[in-house]
Amino acid sequence: MRVFGNLVAATLKDMARDKMTIFWFILFPVLFMFLFGMIFSREDTVNFNLGVVVEKPDGFSQMFLANLEQVDMLTLHYGTLDDELDALGRQKRNAVLVLPPVQFGSNEEITIPVYYDAANQANRVLVVMLSEIFTNVERVMQNRARLFVVDAKPVQAEGLRDVDYILPGIMSMALMQLGLFGSIRLVYLREKRVLRSLGATPLPRAHIVFSEIIIRLLMAALQTSLILLIGHFVFNVKILGSWWQVLGTVFFGAAVFVSIGYMLVTFAKTEESGHGIIQVVQFPMMFLSGIFFPMDFIPAFLKPVVRAIPLTYLGDLLRAVTIGSPYAFGLATDLLVLSGWLIVSLVLAIRFWRWE
C-alpha cells in the first residue's frame, strides 16, 4: 500500500509540473463558470409564459383573451389544465390561468384560479398583474358588485434561472474533459516506453493504472468543488443536494468518463492520434447532450443520438442532485445508462489495451 501511495504522489507531482494540465483540468472549468455565470446571470427584459385554460369558450373569454394577447410581456399558451400544469411543473410556464364560464346575470363572485411558481418572485408580480387586470374589467362593468376574485395557487417550491441550469452543465463538461483527455497520459507513457520500463520492475502494472484513476478522481473533486463554490457564493446558485450526494455523483461520472477515455485510447498508437480520437468524440458530446441548453432546442432527427450520449444522462443526474431540477429521464434510467457505459468501456479497454 505504501508503494501504491508513493506512486500516486509521484504521478501527482509529475502532473503538477505540467502547467497546461493544470489549466485545462482546473482553471479552464473555473474560467468557464465565471464567463457563463456573468452571461446568464444578467437580468433581461421580463417576459412571462402564461398557460391559459378555457373551461367553456364564450363571448367574454374571447374578448378578454384578445386583449390579453396585446400585452407585450405575456406569451399565451392554450391547452388543458393537466397539460398546462405539467408544463408549469417543468418550468415552461410562469403561471396557469383558468377561465371558468361567466354568467353576467348573477351577482355571485367568480373565482379565477391562477397556478404559479411561488419561489420565483417575478411570478408573484404576474399574479398581482392579472388580479389588477380583472379589477379593471370590473370597473368597465358599471353598477356591478365585485365580480372577479383571483385565487392564487402556488404549486412549486424552487425556481430555475439560466445560471442554475448552466452550473451542472459546466460540471458535466469538466468531468468529461478530465476523463477523456486525462487518458492521453497513458498513451504518452506507452509511447515513451515508460510503461515498458516500469514493467521490468516488481511494481504491478495495475498499480500504474489505478494511480492514474485515483488522481483523476481527486482532480474531479477539486474542480467540481471550485465550480460549486463559485456558483453559490458569486452567482447565488442554491445547492439543494448534500455534498455527499454531489461528490458521489461526481466520482461516479468521473469513473464513467475515465473508463470511456481509456477505451478510446486503446485504439491510438501515438499521442497525436489519441488527441484526434478524443476530439472527434468530445465535440458532439459537448453540443448535443443538452448540458448548456434544454434538449427541446435540439432537432427531432438528432434526438436518438442525444439519448445515446452518456454526457446527456450525467448532466441530467447532476442537475437533479445539485439544483433539484426534475429528472428528464428518471434516476433509474440515468444510473442504468451510465453504468452500462462504465461496464462496456471497461471491458473493451481491458480487452484491447496494449502495454507496449
Protein backbone atom coordinates (compact mmCIF):
# COMPACT_ATOMS: atom_id res chain seq x y z
CA MET A 1 0.00 0.00 0.00
CA ARG A 2 2.91 2.35 0.76
CA VAL A 3 4.34 1.67 -2.71
CA PHE A 4 0.98 2.50 -4.29
CA GLY A 5 0.75 5.72 -2.24
CA ASN A 6 4.23 6.74 -3.34
CA LEU A 7 3.26 6.07 -6.96
CA VAL A 8 0.16 8.27 -6.63
CA ALA A 9 2.25 11.06 -5.09
CA ALA A 10 4.87 10.78 -7.84
CA THR A 11 2.18 10.88 -10.54
CA LEU A 12 0.57 13.92 -8.93
CA LYS A 13 3.91 15.77 -8.76
CA ASP A 14 4.63 14.94 -12.39
CA MET A 15 1.25 16.31 -13.49
CA ALA A 16 1.67 19.43 -11.33
CA ARG A 17 4.80 20.31 -13.29
CA ASP A 18 2.74 20.47 -16.48
CA LYS A 19 1.13 23.92 -16.47
CA MET A 20 -1.16 23.06 -19.38
CA THR A 21 -2.61 20.16 -17.41
CA ILE A 22 -3.41 22.47 -14.50
CA PHE A 23 -5.00 24.98 -16.87
CA TRP A 24 -7.23 22.59 -18.82
CA PHE A 25 -8.33 20.42 -15.92
CA ILE A 26 -8.64 23.03 -13.15
CA LEU A 27 -8.52 26.65 -14.35
CA PHE A 28 -10.43 26.21 -17.61
CA PRO A 29 -13.66 24.95 -15.95
CA VAL A 30 -13.38 27.76 -13.38
CA LEU A 31 -12.98 30.40 -16.11
CA PHE A 32 -15.89 28.78 -17.96
CA MET A 33 -18.04 29.10 -14.84
CA PHE A 34 -17.18 32.79 -14.45
CA LEU A 35 -17.84 33.52 -18.13
CA PHE A 36 -21.15 31.67 -18.38
CA GLY A 37 -22.19 32.86 -14.94
CA MET A 38 -21.77 36.51 -15.91
CA ILE A 39 -23.62 35.97 -19.18
CA PHE A 40 -26.59 34.01 -17.85
CA SER A 41 -27.00 35.77 -14.52
CA ARG A 42 -27.85 39.07 -16.24
CA GLU A 43 -31.41 40.32 -15.91
CA ASP A 44 -33.01 40.67 -19.34
CA THR A 45 -36.39 42.04 -20.42
CA VAL A 46 -39.15 40.38 -18.43
CA ASN A 47 -41.37 38.02 -20.41
CA PHE A 48 -43.97 35.70 -18.91
CA ASN A 49 -45.22 32.43 -20.39
CA LEU A 50 -48.84 32.20 -19.30
CA GLY A 51 -50.78 28.98 -19.73
CA VAL A 52 -54.49 29.55 -20.41
CA VAL A 53 -57.25 27.02 -19.80
CA VAL A 54 -60.71 27.98 -21.08
CA GLU A 55 -63.28 25.73 -19.43
CA LYS A 56 -66.12 26.81 -21.75
CA PRO A 57 -65.47 29.32 -24.57
CA ASP A 58 -67.89 32.24 -24.56
CA GLY A 59 -68.00 35.85 -25.68
CA PHE A 60 -66.30 37.13 -22.54
CA SER A 61 -63.36 34.72 -22.73
CA GLN A 62 -62.78 35.54 -26.40
CA MET A 63 -62.87 39.29 -25.75
CA PHE A 64 -60.71 39.03 -22.61
CA LEU A 65 -58.03 36.87 -24.24
CA ALA A 66 -57.95 39.01 -27.36
CA ASN A 67 -56.99 41.96 -25.18
CA LEU A 68 -54.61 39.91 -23.04
CA GLU A 69 -52.70 38.90 -26.17
CA GLN A 70 -51.89 42.56 -26.75
CA VAL A 71 -49.76 42.69 -23.58
CA ASP A 72 -46.15 42.63 -24.82
CA MET A 73 -44.67 40.88 -21.79
CA LEU A 74 -47.13 37.97 -22.00
CA THR A 75 -46.90 34.91 -24.24
CA LEU A 76 -50.12 32.90 -24.05
CA HIS A 77 -50.20 29.10 -24.36
CA TYR A 78 -53.59 27.38 -24.66
CA GLY A 79 -54.26 23.83 -23.50
CA THR A 80 -55.97 21.59 -21.00
CA LEU A 81 -55.46 22.02 -17.26
CA ASP A 82 -53.40 18.82 -16.95
CA ASP A 83 -51.12 19.74 -19.86
CA GLU A 84 -50.54 23.29 -18.67
CA LEU A 85 -49.87 22.22 -15.07
CA ASP A 86 -47.39 19.68 -16.40
CA ALA A 87 -45.66 22.45 -18.35
CA LEU A 88 -45.65 24.56 -15.17
CA GLY A 89 -44.05 21.69 -13.27
CA ARG A 90 -41.33 21.51 -15.95
CA GLN A 91 -40.81 25.28 -15.57
CA LYS A 92 -42.03 26.06 -19.09
CA ARG A 93 -44.81 28.28 -17.75
CA ASN A 94 -44.68 31.09 -15.21
CA ALA A 95 -48.34 30.67 -14.33
CA VAL A 96 -51.53 28.95 -15.50
CA LEU A 97 -54.79 30.94 -15.72
CA VAL A 98 -58.12 29.08 -15.67
CA LEU A 99 -61.12 30.92 -17.15
CA PRO A 100 -64.46 29.47 -15.98
CA PRO A 101 -67.78 30.21 -17.73
CA VAL A 102 -69.05 33.72 -16.92
CA GLN A 103 -72.75 34.39 -16.33
CA PHE A 104 -73.31 38.13 -16.14
CA GLY A 105 -76.83 37.82 -14.82
CA SER A 106 -75.57 36.62 -11.45
CA ASN A 107 -74.09 38.79 -8.71
CA GLU A 108 -72.04 35.93 -7.29
CA GLU A 109 -68.27 36.22 -7.26
CA ILE A 110 -66.43 34.31 -9.97
CA THR A 111 -63.24 32.62 -8.78
CA ILE A 112 -60.37 32.71 -11.27
CA PRO A 113 -57.75 30.05 -10.37
CA VAL A 114 -54.16 31.03 -11.11
CA TYR A 115 -51.44 28.43 -10.52
CA TYR A 116 -47.91 29.81 -10.24
CA ASP A 117 -44.37 29.11 -9.04
CA ALA A 118 -44.27 30.60 -5.54
CA ALA A 119 -40.47 30.58 -5.29
CA ASN A 120 -39.95 32.93 -8.22
CA GLN A 121 -40.66 36.49 -7.10
CA ALA A 122 -41.33 37.59 -10.69
CA ASN A 123 -44.26 35.17 -10.85
CA ARG A 124 -45.81 36.85 -7.83
CA VAL A 125 -45.71 40.07 -9.85
CA LEU A 126 -47.54 38.27 -12.67
CA VAL A 127 -50.31 37.17 -10.28
CA VAL A 128 -50.72 40.72 -8.99
CA MET A 129 -50.83 41.99 -12.58
CA LEU A 130 -53.55 39.51 -13.53
CA SER A 131 -55.55 40.48 -10.46
CA GLU A 132 -55.29 44.14 -11.45
CA ILE A 133 -56.42 43.30 -14.99
CA PHE A 134 -59.58 41.64 -13.69
CA THR A 135 -60.18 44.60 -11.37
CA ASN A 136 -60.05 46.93 -14.36
CA VAL A 137 -62.54 44.69 -16.18
CA GLU A 138 -64.91 45.12 -13.24
CA ARG A 139 -64.62 48.89 -13.43
CA VAL A 140 -65.76 48.80 -17.03
CA MET A 141 -68.87 46.92 -15.93
CA GLN A 142 -70.74 49.73 -14.22
CA ASN A 143 -73.25 49.22 -11.44
CA ARG A 144 -71.92 45.77 -10.58
CA ALA A 145 -70.64 44.44 -7.28
CA ARG A 146 -67.22 42.79 -7.05
CA LEU A 147 -67.31 40.04 -9.67
CA PHE A 148 -63.87 38.50 -10.20
CA VAL A 149 -61.67 37.07 -7.46
CA VAL A 150 -58.23 35.80 -8.44
CA ASP A 151 -57.44 32.64 -6.49
CA ALA A 152 -53.61 32.36 -6.48
CA LYS A 153 -52.43 28.75 -6.13
CA PRO A 154 -48.69 28.28 -5.52
CA VAL A 155 -47.65 24.86 -6.78
CA GLN A 156 -43.82 24.86 -6.84
CA ALA A 157 -41.04 25.40 -4.32
CA GLU A 158 -37.99 26.30 -6.39
CA GLY A 159 -37.33 28.49 -9.41
CA LEU A 160 -34.70 27.81 -12.06
CA ARG A 161 -32.54 30.53 -13.59
CA ASP A 162 -30.28 30.22 -16.60
CA VAL A 163 -27.17 30.23 -14.42
CA ASP A 164 -28.71 27.45 -12.28
CA TYR A 165 -29.08 25.32 -15.41
CA ILE A 166 -25.58 26.14 -16.66
CA LEU A 167 -23.69 25.22 -13.46
CA PRO A 168 -24.35 21.43 -13.60
CA GLY A 169 -23.61 21.60 -17.33
CA ILE A 170 -20.16 23.05 -16.67
CA MET A 171 -19.54 20.37 -14.04
CA SER A 172 -20.52 17.71 -16.57
CA MET A 173 -18.24 19.21 -19.22
CA ALA A 174 -15.32 19.36 -16.78
CA LEU A 175 -15.75 15.70 -15.81
CA MET A 176 -15.95 14.68 -19.46
CA GLN A 177 -12.77 16.60 -20.34
CA LEU A 178 -10.96 15.23 -17.31
CA GLY A 179 -11.84 11.64 -18.15
CA LEU A 180 -11.27 11.78 -21.91
CA PHE A 181 -8.16 13.94 -22.18
CA GLY A 182 -6.65 12.59 -18.96
CA SER A 183 -6.36 9.19 -20.62
CA ILE A 184 -3.86 10.63 -23.12
CA ARG A 185 -1.19 10.49 -20.41
CA LEU A 186 -1.07 6.69 -20.55
CA VAL A 187 -0.58 6.86 -24.32
CA TYR A 188 2.33 9.22 -23.72
CA LEU A 189 3.86 6.86 -21.15
CA ARG A 190 3.40 3.93 -23.51
CA GLU A 191 4.87 5.81 -26.48
CA LYS A 192 7.93 6.88 -24.46
CA ARG A 193 8.33 3.26 -23.27
CA VAL A 194 7.94 4.30 -19.65
CA LEU A 195 5.33 1.59 -19.11
CA ARG A 196 7.69 -0.97 -20.58
CA SER A 197 10.46 0.11 -18.20
CA LEU A 198 8.15 0.02 -15.19
CA GLY A 199 7.00 -3.42 -16.29
CA ALA A 200 10.51 -4.71 -15.69
CA THR A 201 10.28 -3.72 -12.02
CA PRO A 202 8.43 -5.60 -9.24
CA LEU A 203 5.76 -2.88 -9.35
CA PRO A 204 2.49 -4.38 -10.67
CA ARG A 205 1.31 -2.67 -13.85
CA ALA A 206 -2.22 -2.44 -12.47
CA HIS A 207 -0.90 -0.06 -9.80
CA ILE A 208 0.09 2.37 -12.54
CA VAL A 209 -3.43 2.44 -13.96
CA PHE A 210 -5.11 2.69 -10.56
CA SER A 211 -2.80 5.55 -9.52
CA GLU A 212 -3.89 7.44 -12.64
CA ILE A 213 -7.54 6.79 -11.81
CA ILE A 214 -7.10 7.98 -8.21
CA ILE A 215 -5.51 11.21 -9.49
CA ARG A 216 -8.45 11.78 -11.85
CA LEU A 217 -10.96 11.30 -9.04
CA LEU A 218 -9.09 13.73 -6.78
CA MET A 219 -8.96 16.31 -9.56
CA ALA A 220 -12.67 15.78 -10.24
CA ALA A 221 -13.46 16.51 -6.58
CA LEU A 222 -11.27 19.63 -6.66
CA GLN A 223 -12.60 21.13 -9.88
CA THR A 224 -16.27 20.48 -9.11
CA SER A 225 -15.85 21.89 -5.59
CA LEU A 226 -14.42 25.09 -7.08
CA ILE A 227 -17.28 25.33 -9.59
CA LEU A 228 -19.90 24.80 -6.87
CA LEU A 229 -18.32 27.36 -4.54
CA ILE A 230 -18.12 29.98 -7.30
CA GLY A 231 -21.70 29.27 -8.38
CA HIS A 232 -23.01 29.50 -4.82
CA PHE A 233 -21.08 32.49 -3.47
CA VAL A 234 -20.64 34.54 -6.65
CA PHE A 235 -23.84 33.81 -8.62
CA ASN A 236 -26.14 32.81 -5.75
CA VAL A 237 -26.91 29.32 -7.05
CA LYS A 238 -28.72 27.30 -4.39
CA ILE A 239 -27.22 23.83 -3.94
CA LEU A 240 -30.14 21.70 -2.77
CA GLY A 241 -28.42 18.32 -2.59
CA SER A 242 -25.99 17.34 0.15
CA TRP A 243 -22.26 17.48 -0.51
CA TRP A 244 -22.11 13.69 -0.15
CA GLN A 245 -24.72 13.26 -2.87
CA VAL A 246 -22.94 15.69 -5.16
CA LEU A 247 -19.49 14.17 -4.58
CA GLY A 248 -20.87 10.65 -5.05
CA THR A 249 -22.36 11.68 -8.39
CA VAL A 250 -19.11 13.43 -9.35
CA PHE A 251 -16.98 10.36 -8.58
CA PHE A 252 -19.42 8.14 -10.50
CA GLY A 253 -19.40 10.46 -13.52
CA ALA A 254 -15.60 10.76 -13.42
CA ALA A 255 -15.26 6.96 -13.33
CA VAL A 256 -17.57 6.63 -16.36
CA PHE A 257 -15.58 9.07 -18.49
CA VAL A 258 -12.18 7.82 -17.34
CA SER A 259 -13.21 4.35 -18.49
CA ILE A 260 -14.50 5.76 -21.80
CA GLY A 261 -11.24 7.66 -22.24
CA TYR A 262 -9.14 4.53 -21.68
CA MET A 263 -11.35 2.61 -24.09
CA LEU A 264 -10.83 5.22 -26.82
CA VAL A 265 -7.06 5.49 -26.47
CA THR A 266 -6.63 1.73 -26.76
CA PHE A 267 -7.00 2.37 -30.50
CA ALA A 268 -4.36 5.15 -30.54
CA LYS A 269 -0.77 4.32 -31.41
CA THR A 270 0.61 7.81 -30.74
CA GLU A 271 -0.24 10.76 -28.51
CA GLU A 272 -1.30 12.81 -31.54
CA SER A 273 -3.73 10.16 -32.78
CA GLY A 274 -5.09 9.88 -29.24
CA HIS A 275 -5.90 13.60 -29.21
CA GLY A 276 -7.63 13.23 -32.57
CA ILE A 277 -9.83 10.36 -31.42
CA ILE A 278 -10.77 12.16 -28.21
CA GLN A 279 -11.68 15.39 -30.02
CA VAL A 280 -13.89 13.55 -32.51
CA VAL A 281 -15.89 12.17 -29.56
CA GLN A 282 -15.74 15.23 -27.30
CA PHE A 283 -17.28 17.89 -29.55
CA PRO A 284 -20.52 16.06 -30.40
CA MET A 285 -20.94 15.19 -26.72
CA MET A 286 -20.49 18.79 -25.62
CA PHE A 287 -23.00 20.32 -28.04
CA LEU A 288 -25.60 17.56 -28.41
CA SER A 289 -26.02 16.45 -24.80
CA GLY A 290 -28.15 19.37 -23.61
CA ILE A 291 -25.76 20.34 -20.81
CA PHE A 292 -25.86 24.03 -21.83
CA PHE A 293 -29.40 24.32 -23.20
CA PRO A 294 -32.64 22.31 -22.93
CA MET A 295 -32.99 19.39 -25.31
CA ASP A 296 -36.20 20.94 -26.68
CA PHE A 297 -33.94 23.09 -28.86
CA ILE A 298 -32.32 20.04 -30.47
CA PRO A 299 -33.89 18.91 -33.80
CA ALA A 300 -36.04 15.81 -33.61
CA PHE A 301 -33.85 13.81 -36.00
CA LEU A 302 -30.91 14.19 -33.59
CA LYS A 303 -32.83 13.03 -30.52
CA PRO A 304 -31.76 9.35 -30.90
CA VAL A 305 -28.12 10.48 -30.93
CA VAL A 306 -28.71 12.62 -27.85
CA ARG A 307 -30.22 9.67 -25.97
CA ALA A 308 -27.16 7.56 -26.71
CA ILE A 309 -24.64 10.08 -25.35
CA PRO A 310 -23.54 9.37 -21.75
CA LEU A 311 -22.99 13.09 -21.05
CA THR A 312 -26.74 13.62 -21.55
CA TYR A 313 -27.52 11.42 -18.55
CA LEU A 314 -24.68 12.75 -16.39
CA GLY A 315 -25.95 16.29 -16.95
CA ASP A 316 -29.48 15.22 -16.04
CA LEU A 317 -28.22 13.48 -12.90
CA LEU A 318 -26.11 16.45 -11.77
CA ARG A 319 -28.95 18.94 -12.38
CA ALA A 320 -31.25 16.87 -10.16
CA VAL A 321 -28.67 16.40 -7.40
CA THR A 322 -27.28 19.95 -7.30
CA ILE A 323 -30.22 22.27 -8.04
CA GLY A 324 -33.21 19.96 -7.58
CA SER A 325 -34.31 20.09 -11.23
CA PRO A 326 -36.81 17.36 -12.20
CA TYR A 327 -35.25 14.36 -13.95
CA ALA A 328 -35.66 14.43 -17.72
CA PHE A 329 -35.20 10.65 -17.97
CA GLY A 330 -35.57 9.45 -14.39
CA LEU A 331 -33.00 8.45 -11.78
CA ALA A 332 -33.11 4.75 -12.68
CA THR A 333 -32.58 5.47 -16.38
CA ASP A 334 -29.65 7.83 -15.72
CA LEU A 335 -27.91 5.31 -13.47
CA LEU A 336 -28.63 2.38 -15.77
CA VAL A 337 -27.28 4.09 -18.91
CA LEU A 338 -24.17 5.46 -17.19
CA SER A 339 -23.48 2.09 -15.55
CA GLY A 340 -23.82 0.44 -18.95
CA TRP A 341 -21.26 2.80 -20.45
CA LEU A 342 -18.94 2.22 -17.50
CA ILE A 343 -19.08 -1.58 -17.76
CA VAL A 344 -18.84 -1.79 -21.55
CA SER A 345 -15.99 0.71 -21.83
CA LEU A 346 -14.04 -1.01 -19.04
CA VAL A 347 -14.44 -4.41 -20.67
CA LEU A 348 -13.29 -3.07 -24.06
CA ALA A 349 -10.39 -1.15 -22.51
CA ILE A 350 -9.13 -4.26 -20.70
CA ARG A 351 -9.64 -6.43 -23.78
CA PHE A 352 -7.76 -4.24 -26.28
CA TRP A 353 -5.23 -2.39 -24.09
CA ARG A 354 -1.57 -2.70 -25.11
CA TRP A 355 1.25 -2.00 -22.67
CA GLU A 356 3.83 -1.59 -25.43
